[in-house]
Amino acid sequence: MLESVNDPIKVTFLGTGTSIGVPVITCDCPVCVSTDERDKRMRTSAMIEVGGHTFVIDCGPDFRHQMLRQKVMNLDAVIFTHEHRDHIAGLDDVRAFNYVLNKKIDIYGSAQVMEAIRVEFPYIFAETRYFGAPQLTIHPIDDQPFTIMDVEFIPILVMHEKLPVRGFRVGDFTYITDASHISDQEMEKIKGSKVIVLNALRNSKHVSHFSVNEAVEILTRLEPEAAYLTHLSHFVGLHEEVNKKLPGFIRLAYDGLEVIV
């Protein structure tokens, strides 16, 4: 690991909900009507602050609200796990950082992610620049480690049913969302992490996401000091009640939760 990863890593969960968020529109289940703020979940995203730098993993449709809520004043890069809309749809709102910081924003993702962004946001890449378009510097990544401002990111390739998704390890912190399978080879990259974040969509089995039990089984094998479940639907249950049933080192993440690694 590079020197700056020896600095403390501050992780902020910007969003911990599934693609439709929680509460779900029109739903009056106990979770969706809960008054516990930890049961209100925006689309999944995380912010990593280390060595004086600020990185965001995924910027979904709630990105603007998340930046305002956390009072984020700087952004050095956005790193994408995959191209689904709940993970890329907020990209247009990085232009506020363009204006205030007077710089382009670096974005990192696979060639497949970058192609989806070009299709989704064609005006960003038009030959004749549209004045209101975000200003970006694109950095394609593959499965090799890459460095942003002296901070090393190790991609972890997981499968979201048939779609390749990349989790990331930074120092002793590993973040994985939208996964239903992790190979033994990729699992080796995670081992030794002190803190692991893993998706757990619902209690019952799902074709493209880990269930709560599946995520718990994986985390129990990996034995981190602490682990957090994210990308949670309202089917998981009430935050306070579910936490009581989980192993002590595993907790449900919630929007705004801050963890130091």
C-alpha atoms as a PDB file:
ATOM      1  CA  MET A   1       0.000   0.000   0.000  1.00  0.00           C
ATOM      2  CA  LEU A   2       1.122   3.524  -0.664  1.00  0.00           C
ATOM      3  CA  GLU A   3       2.037   5.861   2.130  1.00  0.00           C
ATOM      4  CA  SER A   4      -1.208   7.844   2.345  1.00  0.00           C
ATOM      5  CA  VAL A   5      -3.231   4.648   2.950  1.00  0.00           C
ATOM      6  CA  ASN A   6      -1.438   4.420   6.287  1.00  0.00           C
ATOM      7  CA  ASP A   7      -3.440   7.499   7.238  1.00  0.00           C
ATOM      8  CA  PRO A   8      -6.816   6.890   8.887  1.00  0.00           C
ATOM      9  CA  ILE A   9      -9.569   6.205   6.368  1.00  0.00           C
ATOM     10  CA  LYS A  10     -12.898   7.886   7.064  1.00  0.00           C
ATOM     11  CA  VAL A  11     -15.843   6.195   5.384  1.00  0.00           C
ATOM     12  CA  THR A  12     -19.237   7.900   5.194  1.00  0.00           C
ATOM     13  CA  PHE A  13     -22.237   5.928   3.994  1.00  0.00           C
ATOM     14  CA  LEU A  14     -23.988   8.405   1.701  1.00  0.00           C
ATOM     15  CA  GLY A  15     -26.745   5.961   0.842  1.00  0.00           C
ATOM     16  CA  THR A  16     -27.530   2.398   1.913  1.00  0.00           C
ATOM     17  CA  GLY A  17     -30.764   1.623   0.083  1.00  0.00           C
ATOM     18  CA  THR A  18     -31.690  -0.404  -2.933  1.00  0.00           C
ATOM     19  CA  SER A  19     -32.433   0.992  -6.403  1.00  0.00           C
ATOM     20  CA  ILE A  20     -35.843   2.323  -5.378  1.00  0.00           C
ATOM     21  CA  GLY A  21     -34.742   3.550  -1.957  1.00  0.00           C
ATOM     22  CA  VAL A  22     -36.511   3.318   1.381  1.00  0.00           C
ATOM     23  CA  PRO A  23     -39.261   4.318   2.026  1.00  0.00           C
ATOM     24  CA  VAL A  24     -40.682   2.933  -1.196  1.00  0.00           C
ATOM     25  CA  ILE A  25     -43.228   5.099  -2.992  1.00  0.00           C
ATOM     26  CA  THR A  26     -46.798   3.966  -2.076  1.00  0.00           C
ATOM     27  CA  CYS A  27     -45.609   1.443   0.548  1.00  0.00           C
ATOM     28  CA  ASP A  28     -47.010   1.548   4.085  1.00  0.00           C
ATOM     29  CA  CYS A  29     -45.070  -1.409   5.543  1.00  0.00           C
ATOM     30  CA  PRO A  30     -43.537  -0.960   9.044  1.00  0.00           C
ATOM     31  CA  VAL A  31     -40.121  -0.100   7.582  1.00  0.00           C
ATOM     32  CA  CYS A  32     -41.414   2.468   5.113  1.00  0.00           C
ATOM     33  CA  VAL A  33     -43.493   4.278   7.746  1.00  0.00           C
ATOM     34  CA  SER A  34     -40.812   4.028  10.437  1.00  0.00           C
ATOM     35  CA  THR A  35     -39.839   7.237  12.223  1.00  0.00           C
ATOM     36  CA  ASP A  36     -36.314   5.918  12.844  1.00  0.00           C
ATOM     37  CA  GLU A  37     -34.021   7.900  10.535  1.00  0.00           C
ATOM     38  CA  ARG A  38     -31.852   4.799  10.131  1.00  0.00           C
ATOM     39  CA  ASP A  39     -34.725   3.187   8.204  1.00  0.00           C
ATOM     40  CA  LYS A  40     -34.674   5.953   5.558  1.00  0.00           C
ATOM     41  CA  ARG A  41     -32.253   4.919   2.829  1.00  0.00           C
ATOM     42  CA  MET A  42     -31.098   6.753  -0.275  1.00  0.00           C
ATOM     43  CA  ARG A  43     -29.492   4.959  -3.191  1.00  0.00           C
ATOM     44  CA  THR A  44     -26.218   3.219  -2.351  1.00  0.00           C
ATOM     45  CA  SER A  45     -23.018   5.277  -2.340  1.00  0.00           C
ATOM     46  CA  ALA A  46     -20.023   5.821  -0.070  1.00  0.00           C
ATOM     47  CA  MET A  47     -17.463   8.562   0.492  1.00  0.00           C
ATOM     48  CA  ILE A  48     -13.848   7.821   1.388  1.00  0.00           C
ATOM     49  CA  GLU A  49     -11.645  10.510   2.918  1.00  0.00           C
ATOM     50  CA  VAL A  50      -7.952   9.710   3.302  1.00  0.00           C
ATOM     51  CA  GLY A  51      -4.737  11.692   3.182  1.00  0.00           C
ATOM     52  CA  GLY A  52      -6.629  14.963   2.685  1.00  0.00           C
ATOM     53  CA  HIS A  53      -8.430  13.615  -0.397  1.00  0.00           C
ATOM     54  CA  THR A  54     -12.126  12.911  -0.970  1.00  0.00           C
ATOM     55  CA  PHE A  55     -13.409  10.109  -3.177  1.00  0.00           C
ATOM     56  CA  VAL A  56     -16.981   8.995  -3.822  1.00  0.00           C
ATOM     57  CA  ILE A  57     -17.880   5.466  -4.877  1.00  0.00           C
ATOM     58  CA  ASP A  58     -20.901   5.711  -7.215  1.00  0.00           C
ATOM     59  CA  CYS A  59     -23.138   8.739  -7.683  1.00  0.00           C
ATOM     60  CA  GLY A  60     -26.747   7.714  -8.075  1.00  0.00           C
ATOM     61  CA  PRO A  61     -29.883   9.847  -8.398  1.00  0.00           C
ATOM     62  CA  ASP A  62     -29.586  11.046  -4.777  1.00  0.00           C
ATOM     63  CA  PHE A  63     -26.036  12.393  -5.225  1.00  0.00           C
ATOM     64  CA  ARG A  64     -26.970  16.091  -4.958  1.00  0.00           C
ATOM     65  CA  HIS A  65     -28.933  15.562  -1.749  1.00  0.00           C
ATOM     66  CA  GLN A  66     -26.150  13.409  -0.302  1.00  0.00           C
ATOM     67  CA  MET A  67     -23.492  16.063  -0.982  1.00  0.00           C
ATOM     68  CA  LEU A  68     -25.637  18.780   0.585  1.00  0.00           C
ATOM     69  CA  ARG A  69     -26.559  16.676   3.617  1.00  0.00           C
ATOM     70  CA  GLN A  70     -22.920  15.850   4.374  1.00  0.00           C
ATOM     71  CA  LYS A  71     -21.776  19.398   3.523  1.00  0.00           C
ATOM     72  CA  VAL A  72     -19.133  18.053   1.141  1.00  0.00           C
ATOM     73  CA  MET A  73     -16.882  20.892  -0.007  1.00  0.00           C
ATOM     74  CA  ASN A  74     -14.324  18.977  -2.067  1.00  0.00           C
ATOM     75  CA  LEU A  75     -14.362  16.074  -4.489  1.00  0.00           C
ATOM     76  CA  ASP A  76     -11.248  14.568  -6.040  1.00  0.00           C
ATOM     77  CA  ALA A  77     -12.731  11.622  -7.933  1.00  0.00           C
ATOM     78  CA  VAL A  78     -15.774   9.439  -8.487  1.00  0.00           C
ATOM     79  CA  ILE A  79     -15.154   5.692  -8.781  1.00  0.00           C
ATOM     80  CA  PHE A  80     -17.883   3.554 -10.330  1.00  0.00           C
ATOM     81  CA  THR A  81     -18.694  -0.025  -9.405  1.00  0.00           C
ATOM     82  CA  HIS A  82     -20.939  -0.618 -12.440  1.00  0.00           C
ATOM     83  CA  GLU A  83     -23.270   1.088 -14.882  1.00  0.00           C
ATOM     84  CA  HIS A  84     -26.764   0.629 -13.449  1.00  0.00           C
ATOM     85  CA  ARG A  85     -28.691   3.894 -13.177  1.00  0.00           C
ATOM     86  CA  ASP A  86     -28.940   3.819  -9.390  1.00  0.00           C
ATOM     87  CA  HIS A  87     -25.131   4.092  -9.417  1.00  0.00           C
ATOM     88  CA  ILE A  88     -24.487   6.637 -12.226  1.00  0.00           C
ATOM     89  CA  ALA A  89     -27.614   8.796 -12.610  1.00  0.00           C
ATOM     90  CA  GLY A  90     -26.338  11.678 -10.447  1.00  0.00           C
ATOM     91  CA  LEU A  91     -23.206  12.327 -12.502  1.00  0.00           C
ATOM     92  CA  ASP A  92     -24.544  15.595 -13.924  1.00  0.00           C
ATOM     93  CA  ASP A  93     -24.429  17.143 -10.448  1.00  0.00           C
ATOM     94  CA  VAL A  94     -20.639  16.994 -10.215  1.00  0.00           C
ATOM     95  CA  ARG A  95     -20.653  20.233 -12.226  1.00  0.00           C
ATOM     96  CA  ALA A  96     -21.182  22.164  -8.991  1.00  0.00           C
ATOM     97  CA  PHE A  97     -17.675  21.050  -8.027  1.00  0.00           C
ATOM     98  CA  ASN A  98     -16.449  22.118 -11.481  1.00  0.00           C
ATOM     99  CA  TYR A  99     -17.754  25.635 -10.853  1.00  0.00           C
ATOM    100  CA  VAL A 100     -16.633  26.102  -7.270  1.00  0.00           C
ATOM    101  CA  LEU A 101     -13.307  24.239  -7.378  1.00  0.00           C
ATOM    102  CA  ASN A 102     -12.518  25.382 -10.946  1.00  0.00           C
ATOM    103  CA  LYS A 103     -11.340  21.933 -11.999  1.00  0.00           C
ATOM    104  CA  LYS A 104     -12.422  18.888 -13.922  1.00  0.00           C
ATOM    105  CA  ILE A 105     -13.552  15.883 -11.903  1.00  0.00           C
ATOM    106  CA  ASP A 106     -11.745  12.593 -12.428  1.00  0.00           C
ATOM    107  CA  ILE A 107     -13.983   9.571 -12.913  1.00  0.00           C
ATOM    108  CA  TYR A 108     -12.832   5.952 -12.823  1.00  0.00           C
ATOM    109  CA  GLY A 109     -14.641   2.896 -14.133  1.00  0.00           C
ATOM    110  CA  SER A 110     -14.432  -0.043 -16.490  1.00  0.00           C
ATOM    111  CA  ALA A 111     -14.709   0.422 -20.250  1.00  0.00           C
ATOM    112  CA  GLN A 112     -18.252  -0.949 -20.001  1.00  0.00           C
ATOM    113  CA  VAL A 113     -19.178   1.659 -17.386  1.00  0.00           C
ATOM    114  CA  MET A 114     -17.665   4.488 -19.430  1.00  0.00           C
ATOM    115  CA  GLU A 115     -19.571   3.424 -22.531  1.00  0.00           C
ATOM    116  CA  ALA A 116     -22.834   3.428 -20.548  1.00  0.00           C
ATOM    117  CA  ILE A 117     -22.052   6.937 -19.271  1.00  0.00           C
ATOM    118  CA  ARG A 118     -21.443   8.139 -22.827  1.00  0.00           C
ATOM    119  CA  VAL A 119     -24.830   6.775 -23.853  1.00  0.00           C
ATOM    120  CA  GLU A 120     -26.625   8.122 -20.779  1.00  0.00           C
ATOM    121  CA  PHE A 121     -25.019  11.579 -20.898  1.00  0.00           C
ATOM    122  CA  PRO A 122     -24.235  12.267 -24.587  1.00  0.00           C
ATOM    123  CA  TYR A 123     -24.142  16.041 -24.090  1.00  0.00           C
ATOM    124  CA  ILE A 124     -21.091  15.694 -21.849  1.00  0.00           C
ATOM    125  CA  PHE A 125     -19.120  14.305 -24.775  1.00  0.00           C
ATOM    126  CA  ALA A 126     -20.490  16.422 -27.633  1.00  0.00           C
ATOM    127  CA  GLU A 127     -17.885  17.835 -30.046  1.00  0.00           C
ATOM    128  CA  THR A 128     -19.262  21.304 -29.445  1.00  0.00           C
ATOM    129  CA  ARG A 129     -19.168  21.780 -25.689  1.00  0.00           C
ATOM    130  CA  TYR A 130     -22.464  22.464 -23.970  1.00  0.00           C
ATOM    131  CA  PHE A 131     -21.699  25.107 -21.348  1.00  0.00           C
ATOM    132  CA  GLY A 132     -23.768  23.460 -18.600  1.00  0.00           C
ATOM    133  CA  ALA A 133     -22.254  19.997 -19.026  1.00  0.00           C
ATOM    134  CA  PRO A 134     -20.031  18.484 -16.337  1.00  0.00           C
ATOM    135  CA  GLN A 135     -16.311  18.673 -17.027  1.00  0.00           C
ATOM    136  CA  LEU A 136     -14.741  15.262 -16.542  1.00  0.00           C
ATOM    137  CA  THR A 137     -11.434  13.480 -16.986  1.00  0.00           C
ATOM    138  CA  ILE A 138     -12.069   9.833 -17.777  1.00  0.00           C
ATOM    139  CA  HIS A 139      -9.824   7.067 -16.438  1.00  0.00           C
ATOM    140  CA  PRO A 140     -10.728   3.552 -17.637  1.00  0.00           C
ATOM    141  CA  ILE A 141      -9.803   0.811 -15.187  1.00  0.00           C
ATOM    142  CA  ASP A 142      -9.530  -2.949 -15.423  1.00  0.00           C
ATOM    143  CA  ASP A 143      -8.787  -5.510 -12.727  1.00  0.00           C
ATOM    144  CA  GLN A 144      -5.350  -4.114 -11.891  1.00  0.00           C
ATOM    145  CA  PRO A 145      -4.723  -1.842  -8.876  1.00  0.00           C
ATOM    146  CA  PHE A 146      -4.719   1.858  -9.688  1.00  0.00           C
ATOM    147  CA  THR A 147      -3.643   4.957  -7.820  1.00  0.00           C
ATOM    148  CA  ILE A 148      -5.453   8.250  -7.284  1.00  0.00           C
ATOM    149  CA  MET A 149      -3.404  10.954  -5.565  1.00  0.00           C
ATOM    150  CA  ASP A 150      -1.085   8.428  -3.858  1.00  0.00           C
ATOM    151  CA  VAL A 151      -4.019   6.299  -2.675  1.00  0.00           C
ATOM    152  CA  GLU A 152      -4.107   2.761  -4.048  1.00  0.00           C
ATOM    153  CA  PHE A 153      -7.412   1.153  -5.003  1.00  0.00           C
ATOM    154  CA  ILE A 154      -7.523  -2.620  -5.536  1.00  0.00           C
ATOM    155  CA  PRO A 155     -10.479  -3.669  -7.730  1.00  0.00           C
ATOM    156  CA  ILE A 156     -12.364  -6.774  -6.631  1.00  0.00           C
ATOM    157  CA  LEU A 157     -14.340  -8.364  -9.452  1.00  0.00           C
ATOM    158  CA  VAL A 158     -17.707  -9.733  -8.352  1.00  0.00           C
ATOM    159  CA  MET A 159     -20.756 -10.845 -10.294  1.00  0.00           C
ATOM    160  CA  HIS A 160     -24.176  -9.176 -10.183  1.00  0.00           C
ATOM    161  CA  GLU A 161     -25.877 -12.220 -11.714  1.00  0.00           C
ATOM    162  CA  LYS A 162     -24.206 -11.997 -15.184  1.00  0.00           C
ATOM    163  CA  LEU A 163     -22.959  -8.405 -14.905  1.00  0.00           C
ATOM    164  CA  PRO A 164     -19.363  -7.763 -13.798  1.00  0.00           C
ATOM    165  CA  VAL A 165     -19.185  -5.324 -10.878  1.00  0.00           C
ATOM    166  CA  ARG A 166     -16.087  -3.993  -9.167  1.00  0.00           C
ATOM    167  CA  GLY A 167     -15.737  -3.603  -5.455  1.00  0.00           C
ATOM    168  CA  PHE A 168     -12.693  -1.819  -4.092  1.00  0.00           C
ATOM    169  CA  ARG A 169     -10.161  -2.291  -1.335  1.00  0.00           C
ATOM    170  CA  VAL A 170      -8.353   0.732   0.087  1.00  0.00           C
ATOM    171  CA  GLY A 171      -5.879  -0.171   2.815  1.00  0.00           C
ATOM    172  CA  ASP A 172      -7.742  -2.284   5.364  1.00  0.00           C
ATOM    173  CA  PHE A 173     -11.166  -1.274   4.049  1.00  0.00           C
ATOM    174  CA  THR A 174     -13.152  -3.233   1.439  1.00  0.00           C
ATOM    175  CA  TYR A 175     -16.395  -2.061  -0.162  1.00  0.00           C
ATOM    176  CA  ILE A 176     -18.588  -4.372  -2.265  1.00  0.00           C
ATOM    177  CA  THR A 177     -22.100  -3.707  -3.492  1.00  0.00           C
ATOM    178  CA  ASP A 178     -24.465  -5.355  -5.992  1.00  0.00           C
ATOM    179  CA  ALA A 179     -22.898  -8.805  -5.782  1.00  0.00           C
ATOM    180  CA  SER A 180     -24.355 -12.299  -5.937  1.00  0.00           C
ATOM    181  CA  HIS A 181     -21.073 -14.192  -6.347  1.00  0.00           C
ATOM    182  CA  ILE A 182     -17.422 -13.697  -5.365  1.00  0.00           C
ATOM    183  CA  SER A 183     -14.854 -16.158  -6.689  1.00  0.00           C
ATOM    184  CA  ASP A 184     -12.219 -17.711  -4.452  1.00  0.00           C
ATOM    185  CA  GLN A 185      -9.548 -15.745  -6.318  1.00  0.00           C
ATOM    186  CA  GLU A 186     -11.235 -12.416  -5.607  1.00  0.00           C
ATOM    187  CA  MET A 187     -11.984 -13.457  -2.033  1.00  0.00           C
ATOM    188  CA  GLU A 188      -8.225 -13.643  -1.451  1.00  0.00           C
ATOM    189  CA  LYS A 189      -7.994  -9.901  -2.188  1.00  0.00           C
ATOM    190  CA  ILE A 190     -10.490  -9.178   0.582  1.00  0.00           C
ATOM    191  CA  LYS A 191      -8.887 -11.319   3.284  1.00  0.00           C
ATOM    192  CA  GLY A 192      -7.214  -9.356   6.058  1.00  0.00           C
ATOM    193  CA  SER A 193      -9.483  -6.321   5.699  1.00  0.00           C
ATOM    194  CA  LYS A 194     -10.337  -4.845   9.078  1.00  0.00           C
ATOM    195  CA  VAL A 195     -13.649  -3.428   7.849  1.00  0.00           C
ATOM    196  CA  ILE A 196     -15.778  -4.927   5.065  1.00  0.00           C
ATOM    197  CA  VAL A 197     -18.963  -3.564   3.513  1.00  0.00           C
ATOM    198  CA  LEU A 198     -21.145  -6.054   1.645  1.00  0.00           C
ATOM    199  CA  ASN A 199     -24.550  -5.862   0.009  1.00  0.00           C
ATOM    200  CA  ALA A 200     -27.550  -7.719   1.467  1.00  0.00           C
ATOM    201  CA  LEU A 201     -30.730  -6.944  -0.438  1.00  0.00           C
ATOM    202  CA  ARG A 202     -33.337  -8.887   1.517  1.00  0.00           C
ATOM    203  CA  ASN A 203     -33.850 -11.946   3.704  1.00  0.00           C
ATOM    204  CA  SER A 204     -34.887 -14.326   0.913  1.00  0.00           C
ATOM    205  CA  LYS A 205     -32.603 -15.456  -1.905  1.00  0.00           C
ATOM    206  CA  HIS A 206     -32.266 -13.142  -4.915  1.00  0.00           C
ATOM    207  CA  VAL A 207     -30.857 -13.786  -8.369  1.00  0.00           C
ATOM    208  CA  SER A 208     -28.440 -10.844  -8.433  1.00  0.00           C
ATOM    209  CA  HIS A 209     -27.793  -9.846  -4.801  1.00  0.00           C
ATOM    210  CA  PHE A 210     -26.671 -11.580  -1.648  1.00  0.00           C
ATOM    211  CA  SER A 211     -29.367 -12.169   0.941  1.00  0.00           C
ATOM    212  CA  VAL A 212     -28.707 -11.197   4.555  1.00  0.00           C
ATOM    213  CA  ASN A 213     -27.865 -14.806   5.468  1.00  0.00           C
ATOM    214  CA  GLU A 214     -25.529 -15.198   2.490  1.00  0.00           C
ATOM    215  CA  ALA A 215     -23.707 -11.970   3.357  1.00  0.00           C
ATOM    216  CA  VAL A 216     -23.394 -13.009   7.012  1.00  0.00           C
ATOM    217  CA  GLU A 217     -21.960 -16.385   5.978  1.00  0.00           C
ATOM    218  CA  ILE A 218     -19.304 -14.738   3.771  1.00  0.00           C
ATOM    219  CA  LEU A 219     -18.374 -12.175   6.417  1.00  0.00           C
ATOM    220  CA  THR A 220     -18.122 -14.869   9.092  1.00  0.00           C
ATOM    221  CA  ARG A 221     -15.594 -16.689   6.916  1.00  0.00           C
ATOM    222  CA  LEU A 222     -13.582 -13.532   6.241  1.00  0.00           C
ATOM    223  CA  GLU A 223     -13.493 -12.549   9.945  1.00  0.00           C
ATOM    224  CA  PRO A 224     -13.022  -8.764   9.744  1.00  0.00           C
ATOM    225  CA  GLU A 225     -12.990  -6.711  12.917  1.00  0.00           C
ATOM    226  CA  ALA A 226     -16.219  -5.060  11.779  1.00  0.00           C
ATOM    227  CA  ALA A 227     -18.609  -5.414   8.862  1.00  0.00           C
ATOM    228  CA  TYR A 228     -21.568  -3.463   7.523  1.00  0.00           C
ATOM    229  CA  LEU A 229     -24.439  -4.503   5.271  1.00  0.00           C
ATOM    230  CA  THR A 230     -25.601  -2.083   2.574  1.00  0.00           C
ATOM    231  CA  HIS A 231     -27.895  -1.899  -0.500  1.00  0.00           C
ATOM    232  CA  LEU A 232     -30.771  -2.834   1.803  1.00  0.00           C
ATOM    233  CA  SER A 233     -34.416  -3.036   0.753  1.00  0.00           C
ATOM    234  CA  HIS A 234     -37.420  -2.530   3.005  1.00  0.00           C
ATOM    235  CA  PHE A 235     -37.811  -6.333   3.036  1.00  0.00           C
ATOM    236  CA  VAL A 236     -34.781  -6.628   5.357  1.00  0.00           C
ATOM    237  CA  GLY A 237     -36.801  -5.243   8.268  1.00  0.00           C
ATOM    238  CA  LEU A 238     -36.491  -2.508  10.853  1.00  0.00           C
ATOM    239  CA  HIS A 239     -32.925  -1.380  11.533  1.00  0.00           C
ATOM    240  CA  GLU A 240     -33.106  -1.734  15.305  1.00  0.00           C
ATOM    241  CA  GLU A 241     -34.724  -5.167  15.236  1.00  0.00           C
ATOM    242  CA  VAL A 242     -32.453  -6.648  12.565  1.00  0.00           C
ATOM    243  CA  ASN A 243     -29.278  -5.508  14.330  1.00  0.00           C
ATOM    244  CA  LYS A 244     -30.286  -7.513  17.413  1.00  0.00           C
ATOM    245  CA  LYS A 245     -30.257 -10.708  15.337  1.00  0.00           C
ATOM    246  CA  LEU A 246     -26.900 -10.191  13.610  1.00  0.00           C
ATOM    247  CA  PRO A 247     -23.514 -11.420  14.883  1.00  0.00           C
ATOM    248  CA  GLY A 248     -21.916  -8.757  17.058  1.00  0.00           C
ATOM    249  CA  PHE A 249     -19.296  -7.685  14.514  1.00  0.00           C
ATOM    250  CA  ILE A 250     -21.888  -7.190  11.743  1.00  0.00           C
ATOM    251  CA  ARG A 251     -24.236  -4.201  11.706  1.00  0.00           C
ATOM    252  CA  LEU A 252     -26.653  -2.727   9.216  1.00  0.00           C
ATOM    253  CA  ALA A 253     -25.181   0.409   7.705  1.00  0.00           C
ATOM    254  CA  TYR A 254     -27.376   3.493   7.577  1.00  0.00           C
ATOM    255  CA  ASP A 255     -27.282   6.795   5.713  1.00  0.00           C
ATOM    256  CA  GLY A 256     -24.836   9.206   7.326  1.00  0.00           C
ATOM    257  CA  LEU A 257     -22.972   6.540   9.317  1.00  0.00           C
ATOM    258  CA  GLU A 258     -19.267   7.384   9.639  1.00  0.00           C
ATOM    259  CA  VAL A 259     -16.601   4.726  10.233  1.00  0.00           C
ATOM    260  CA  ILE A 260     -12.883   5.217  10.828  1.00  0.00           C
ATOM    261  CA  VAL A 261     -10.594   2.438   9.586  1.00  0.00           C
END
